[in-house]
Amino acid sequence: MKRLVLLFIAFSLFLCANAQIRDSFFGCKVGVTTKKQVLINLRQLGYKCLYDKENECYYIENVSFVEKQWKSCQFEFYKDTLCLVGFGFQSDKEDVIDVYNQNIENVKTKYGKIEGKMISDNQNHKICYYDDGIVVLSIGYKIEDGNCAFLIYQSKKLMNQMNEDAYNPQIRN
């Protein structure tokens, strides 16, 4: 019995040591919370939630997150479930690059055991992503008209489901 208790304690400590990427925002969990509940939670927190018809997503403006004031935070859904939460910041080139670098350093500090992978690595467009098996966090910036830095949290399960559904002819038709 003692061994079982010690094994349980050791396993619990192991799980705590392996930090997972954040998956909850504004009282809503990526990959779990319904669209209706997201909209209710945002309203209860005093946010005015807007809908972007062109991008088919909901968003709120002027949001404070990870010690930074973001221009917007968008919410995307798949099959009525929150699948993506993205934060966007617009400014001049130097500020956008600084925000990107700060975000990369924050993630390395907080989730040191999760390796980042670069998708795009050029002077005007960088994207690095981190995957803990549950949430995929993308950090990047794009330098062009309206320079933008971003953080995007996505449910890996729903990303995989979207990809499967995209290639399933019965679902597409």
C-alpha atoms as a PDB file:
ATOM      1  CA  MET A   1       0.000   0.000   0.000  1.00  0.00           C
ATOM      2  CA  LYS A   2       2.854   2.374   0.868  1.00  0.00           C
ATOM      3  CA  ARG A   3       4.435   1.754  -2.526  1.00  0.00           C
ATOM      4  CA  LEU A   4       1.169   2.517  -4.272  1.00  0.00           C
ATOM      5  CA  VAL A   5       0.810   5.821  -2.387  1.00  0.00           C
ATOM      6  CA  LEU A   6       4.438   6.766  -3.133  1.00  0.00           C
ATOM      7  CA  LEU A   7       3.970   5.856  -6.785  1.00  0.00           C
ATOM      8  CA  PHE A   8       0.838   8.016  -6.954  1.00  0.00           C
ATOM      9  CA  ILE A   9       2.653  10.973  -5.351  1.00  0.00           C
ATOM     10  CA  ALA A  10       5.616  10.603  -7.719  1.00  0.00           C
ATOM     11  CA  PHE A  11       3.310  10.434 -10.742  1.00  0.00           C
ATOM     12  CA  SER A  12       1.407  13.522  -9.546  1.00  0.00           C
ATOM     13  CA  LEU A  13       4.656  15.474  -9.158  1.00  0.00           C
ATOM     14  CA  PHE A  14       5.728  14.372 -12.651  1.00  0.00           C
ATOM     15  CA  LEU A  15       2.486  15.687 -14.147  1.00  0.00           C
ATOM     16  CA  CYS A  16       2.830  18.998 -12.310  1.00  0.00           C
ATOM     17  CA  ALA A  17       6.425  19.396 -13.516  1.00  0.00           C
ATOM     18  CA  ASN A  18       5.362  19.072 -17.159  1.00  0.00           C
ATOM     19  CA  ALA A  19       3.519  22.343 -17.646  1.00  0.00           C
ATOM     20  CA  GLN A  20       0.763  22.321 -20.197  1.00  0.00           C
ATOM     21  CA  ILE A  21       0.089  25.203 -22.503  1.00  0.00           C
ATOM     22  CA  ARG A  22      -2.732  27.373 -21.271  1.00  0.00           C
ATOM     23  CA  ASP A  23      -6.141  26.251 -22.536  1.00  0.00           C
ATOM     24  CA  SER A  24      -8.588  28.474 -20.612  1.00  0.00           C
ATOM     25  CA  PHE A  25      -9.481  32.068 -21.418  1.00  0.00           C
ATOM     26  CA  PHE A  26     -12.221  34.246 -19.940  1.00  0.00           C
ATOM     27  CA  GLY A  27     -13.667  31.205 -18.157  1.00  0.00           C
ATOM     28  CA  CYS A  28     -13.784  29.187 -21.394  1.00  0.00           C
ATOM     29  CA  LYS A  29     -11.741  26.131 -22.314  1.00  0.00           C
ATOM     30  CA  VAL A  30     -10.418  25.574 -25.844  1.00  0.00           C
ATOM     31  CA  GLY A  31     -11.764  22.314 -27.264  1.00  0.00           C
ATOM     32  CA  VAL A  32     -14.575  22.103 -24.696  1.00  0.00           C
ATOM     33  CA  THR A  33     -16.698  25.253 -24.314  1.00  0.00           C
ATOM     34  CA  THR A  34     -19.678  25.847 -26.613  1.00  0.00           C
ATOM     35  CA  LYS A  35     -20.174  29.036 -28.621  1.00  0.00           C
ATOM     36  CA  LYS A  36     -23.212  29.960 -26.531  1.00  0.00           C
ATOM     37  CA  GLN A  37     -21.258  29.650 -23.268  1.00  0.00           C
ATOM     38  CA  VAL A  38     -18.322  31.703 -24.655  1.00  0.00           C
ATOM     39  CA  LEU A  39     -20.669  34.523 -25.628  1.00  0.00           C
ATOM     40  CA  ILE A  40     -22.409  34.386 -22.228  1.00  0.00           C
ATOM     41  CA  ASN A  41     -19.087  34.422 -20.344  1.00  0.00           C
ATOM     42  CA  LEU A  42     -17.748  37.381 -22.342  1.00  0.00           C
ATOM     43  CA  ARG A  43     -20.950  39.327 -21.778  1.00  0.00           C
ATOM     44  CA  GLN A  44     -20.856  38.567 -18.030  1.00  0.00           C
ATOM     45  CA  LEU A  45     -17.252  39.807 -17.904  1.00  0.00           C
ATOM     46  CA  GLY A  46     -18.360  43.107 -19.471  1.00  0.00           C
ATOM     47  CA  TYR A  47     -16.964  42.598 -22.985  1.00  0.00           C
ATOM     48  CA  LYS A  48     -18.855  43.642 -26.092  1.00  0.00           C
ATOM     49  CA  CYS A  49     -18.484  40.679 -28.430  1.00  0.00           C
ATOM     50  CA  LEU A  50     -18.549  41.527 -32.136  1.00  0.00           C
ATOM     51  CA  TYR A  51     -18.879  39.250 -35.168  1.00  0.00           C
ATOM     52  CA  ASP A  52     -16.578  39.453 -38.202  1.00  0.00           C
ATOM     53  CA  LYS A  53     -18.578  38.104 -41.177  1.00  0.00           C
ATOM     54  CA  GLU A  54     -15.569  38.056 -43.518  1.00  0.00           C
ATOM     55  CA  ASN A  55     -13.441  35.894 -41.183  1.00  0.00           C
ATOM     56  CA  GLU A  56     -16.415  34.109 -39.593  1.00  0.00           C
ATOM     57  CA  CYS A  57     -15.258  34.697 -36.031  1.00  0.00           C
ATOM     58  CA  TYR A  58     -16.259  36.560 -32.907  1.00  0.00           C
ATOM     59  CA  TYR A  59     -13.901  39.062 -31.319  1.00  0.00           C
ATOM     60  CA  ILE A  60     -13.477  41.539 -28.492  1.00  0.00           C
ATOM     61  CA  GLU A  61     -11.356  44.676 -28.589  1.00  0.00           C
ATOM     62  CA  ASN A  62      -8.696  46.190 -26.311  1.00  0.00           C
ATOM     63  CA  VAL A  63      -7.863  43.154 -24.205  1.00  0.00           C
ATOM     64  CA  SER A  64      -5.182  42.844 -21.550  1.00  0.00           C
ATOM     65  CA  PHE A  65      -3.402  39.465 -21.669  1.00  0.00           C
ATOM     66  CA  VAL A  66       0.073  38.328 -20.533  1.00  0.00           C
ATOM     67  CA  GLU A  67       0.908  41.821 -19.327  1.00  0.00           C
ATOM     68  CA  LYS A  68       0.217  43.298 -22.768  1.00  0.00           C
ATOM     69  CA  GLN A  69      -2.623  45.355 -24.199  1.00  0.00           C
ATOM     70  CA  TRP A  70      -3.853  43.592 -27.352  1.00  0.00           C
ATOM     71  CA  LYS A  71      -5.935  45.281 -30.040  1.00  0.00           C
ATOM     72  CA  SER A  72      -8.248  42.295 -30.259  1.00  0.00           C
ATOM     73  CA  CYS A  73      -8.939  38.752 -29.184  1.00  0.00           C
ATOM     74  CA  GLN A  74     -10.780  36.493 -31.603  1.00  0.00           C
ATOM     75  CA  PHE A  75     -12.720  33.293 -31.021  1.00  0.00           C
ATOM     76  CA  GLU A  76     -13.297  30.653 -33.670  1.00  0.00           C
ATOM     77  CA  PHE A  77     -15.541  27.610 -33.390  1.00  0.00           C
ATOM     78  CA  TYR A  78     -15.755  24.222 -35.010  1.00  0.00           C
ATOM     79  CA  LYS A  79     -18.958  22.223 -34.685  1.00  0.00           C
ATOM     80  CA  ASP A  80     -20.133  24.734 -32.055  1.00  0.00           C
ATOM     81  CA  THR A  81     -17.016  24.215 -29.872  1.00  0.00           C
ATOM     82  CA  LEU A  82     -14.314  26.797 -29.149  1.00  0.00           C
ATOM     83  CA  CYS A  83     -11.330  25.726 -31.243  1.00  0.00           C
ATOM     84  CA  LEU A  84      -9.177  28.866 -31.395  1.00  0.00           C
ATOM     85  CA  VAL A  85      -8.397  31.920 -29.278  1.00  0.00           C
ATOM     86  CA  GLY A  86      -6.122  34.460 -30.942  1.00  0.00           C
ATOM     87  CA  PHE A  87      -4.676  37.744 -29.716  1.00  0.00           C
ATOM     88  CA  GLY A  88      -3.544  40.459 -32.142  1.00  0.00           C
ATOM     89  CA  PHE A  89      -1.325  43.503 -31.596  1.00  0.00           C
ATOM     90  CA  GLN A  90      -0.716  46.228 -34.187  1.00  0.00           C
ATOM     91  CA  SER A  91       2.027  48.834 -34.003  1.00  0.00           C
ATOM     92  CA  ASP A  92       5.215  49.916 -35.715  1.00  0.00           C
ATOM     93  CA  LYS A  93       7.770  47.342 -36.857  1.00  0.00           C
ATOM     94  CA  GLU A  94      10.007  47.608 -33.776  1.00  0.00           C
ATOM     95  CA  ASP A  95       7.143  47.217 -31.286  1.00  0.00           C
ATOM     96  CA  VAL A  96       5.721  44.221 -33.154  1.00  0.00           C
ATOM     97  CA  ILE A  97       9.105  42.470 -33.196  1.00  0.00           C
ATOM     98  CA  ASP A  98       9.626  43.287 -29.500  1.00  0.00           C
ATOM     99  CA  VAL A  99       6.239  41.760 -28.616  1.00  0.00           C
ATOM    100  CA  TYR A 100       7.124  38.628 -30.606  1.00  0.00           C
ATOM    101  CA  ASN A 101      10.507  38.306 -28.838  1.00  0.00           C
ATOM    102  CA  GLN A 102       8.902  38.840 -25.409  1.00  0.00           C
ATOM    103  CA  ASN A 103       6.290  36.186 -26.135  1.00  0.00           C
ATOM    104  CA  ILE A 104       8.939  33.687 -27.262  1.00  0.00           C
ATOM    105  CA  GLU A 105      10.958  34.305 -24.082  1.00  0.00           C
ATOM    106  CA  ASN A 106       7.844  33.993 -21.893  1.00  0.00           C
ATOM    107  CA  VAL A 107       6.953  30.655 -23.481  1.00  0.00           C
ATOM    108  CA  LYS A 108      10.511  29.329 -23.166  1.00  0.00           C
ATOM    109  CA  THR A 109      10.473  30.255 -19.467  1.00  0.00           C
ATOM    110  CA  LYS A 110       7.001  28.907 -18.730  1.00  0.00           C
ATOM    111  CA  TYR A 111       6.994  25.803 -20.964  1.00  0.00           C
ATOM    112  CA  GLY A 112      10.715  25.014 -21.139  1.00  0.00           C
ATOM    113  CA  LYS A 113      10.196  21.321 -21.813  1.00  0.00           C
ATOM    114  CA  ILE A 114       8.076  21.951 -24.914  1.00  0.00           C
ATOM    115  CA  GLU A 115      10.209  22.510 -28.001  1.00  0.00           C
ATOM    116  CA  GLY A 116       9.286  25.297 -30.391  1.00  0.00           C
ATOM    117  CA  LYS A 117       9.245  24.712 -34.144  1.00  0.00           C
ATOM    118  CA  MET A 118       9.632  27.485 -36.716  1.00  0.00           C
ATOM    119  CA  ILE A 119       7.170  27.455 -39.616  1.00  0.00           C
ATOM    120  CA  SER A 120       8.269  30.750 -41.133  1.00  0.00           C
ATOM    121  CA  ASP A 121      11.568  32.434 -40.338  1.00  0.00           C
ATOM    122  CA  ASN A 122      12.280  35.489 -42.428  1.00  0.00           C
ATOM    123  CA  GLN A 123      12.782  39.122 -41.565  1.00  0.00           C
ATOM    124  CA  ASN A 124       9.203  40.195 -42.252  1.00  0.00           C
ATOM    125  CA  HIS A 125       7.282  37.103 -41.197  1.00  0.00           C
ATOM    126  CA  LYS A 126       7.986  34.713 -38.326  1.00  0.00           C
ATOM    127  CA  ILE A 127       5.837  31.959 -36.871  1.00  0.00           C
ATOM    128  CA  CYS A 128       6.923  29.547 -34.166  1.00  0.00           C
ATOM    129  CA  TYR A 129       4.605  26.964 -32.663  1.00  0.00           C
ATOM    130  CA  TYR A 130       4.571  24.899 -29.481  1.00  0.00           C
ATOM    131  CA  ASP A 131       2.541  21.691 -29.157  1.00  0.00           C
ATOM    132  CA  ASP A 132       1.888  19.936 -25.834  1.00  0.00           C
ATOM    133  CA  GLY A 133      -0.426  17.330 -27.405  1.00  0.00           C
ATOM    134  CA  ILE A 134      -3.563  19.168 -26.255  1.00  0.00           C
ATOM    135  CA  VAL A 135      -3.049  22.797 -27.288  1.00  0.00           C
ATOM    136  CA  VAL A 136      -0.981  24.239 -30.127  1.00  0.00           C
ATOM    137  CA  LEU A 137       0.332  27.743 -29.413  1.00  0.00           C
ATOM    138  CA  SER A 138       1.509  29.783 -32.400  1.00  0.00           C
ATOM    139  CA  ILE A 139       3.525  32.955 -31.860  1.00  0.00           C
ATOM    140  CA  GLY A 140       4.375  35.221 -34.739  1.00  0.00           C
ATOM    141  CA  TYR A 141       4.478  38.533 -36.492  1.00  0.00           C
ATOM    142  CA  LYS A 142       4.006  39.907 -39.971  1.00  0.00           C
ATOM    143  CA  ILE A 143       5.555  43.141 -41.197  1.00  0.00           C
ATOM    144  CA  GLU A 144       3.441  44.777 -43.908  1.00  0.00           C
ATOM    145  CA  ASP A 145       0.663  47.356 -44.044  1.00  0.00           C
ATOM    146  CA  GLY A 146      -0.639  47.186 -40.479  1.00  0.00           C
ATOM    147  CA  ASN A 147       2.260  45.384 -38.779  1.00  0.00           C
ATOM    148  CA  CYS A 148       0.894  42.692 -36.483  1.00  0.00           C
ATOM    149  CA  ALA A 149       2.119  40.366 -33.718  1.00  0.00           C
ATOM    150  CA  PHE A 150      -0.071  37.494 -32.602  1.00  0.00           C
ATOM    151  CA  LEU A 151      -0.604  34.642 -30.152  1.00  0.00           C
ATOM    152  CA  ILE A 152      -2.928  31.843 -31.272  1.00  0.00           C
ATOM    153  CA  TYR A 153      -4.074  28.995 -29.021  1.00  0.00           C
ATOM    154  CA  GLN A 154      -5.773  26.063 -30.806  1.00  0.00           C
ATOM    155  CA  SER A 155      -7.275  22.774 -29.703  1.00  0.00           C
ATOM    156  CA  LYS A 156      -5.128  20.056 -31.280  1.00  0.00           C
ATOM    157  CA  LYS A 157      -8.020  17.604 -31.164  1.00  0.00           C
ATOM    158  CA  LEU A 158     -10.311  19.961 -33.084  1.00  0.00           C
ATOM    159  CA  MET A 159      -7.523  20.891 -35.542  1.00  0.00           C
ATOM    160  CA  ASN A 160      -7.100  17.195 -36.329  1.00  0.00           C
ATOM    161  CA  GLN A 161     -10.881  16.758 -36.632  1.00  0.00           C
ATOM    162  CA  MET A 162     -11.095  19.690 -39.078  1.00  0.00           C
ATOM    163  CA  ASN A 163      -8.339  18.167 -41.205  1.00  0.00           C
ATOM    164  CA  GLU A 164     -10.020  14.749 -41.196  1.00  0.00           C
ATOM    165  CA  ASP A 165     -13.376  16.289 -42.090  1.00  0.00           C
ATOM    166  CA  ALA A 166     -11.796  18.326 -44.909  1.00  0.00           C
ATOM    167  CA  TYR A 167     -10.620  15.113 -46.570  1.00  0.00           C
ATOM    168  CA  ASN A 168     -13.786  13.119 -45.942  1.00  0.00           C
ATOM    169  CA  PRO A 169     -16.011  13.390 -49.060  1.00  0.00           C
ATOM    170  CA  GLN A 170     -19.138  12.400 -47.103  1.00  0.00           C
ATOM    171  CA  ILE A 171     -18.741  15.408 -44.801  1.00  0.00           C
ATOM    172  CA  ARG A 172     -17.718  17.887 -47.533  1.00  0.00           C
ATOM    173  CA  ASN A 173     -20.825  17.251 -49.647  1.00  0.00           C
END
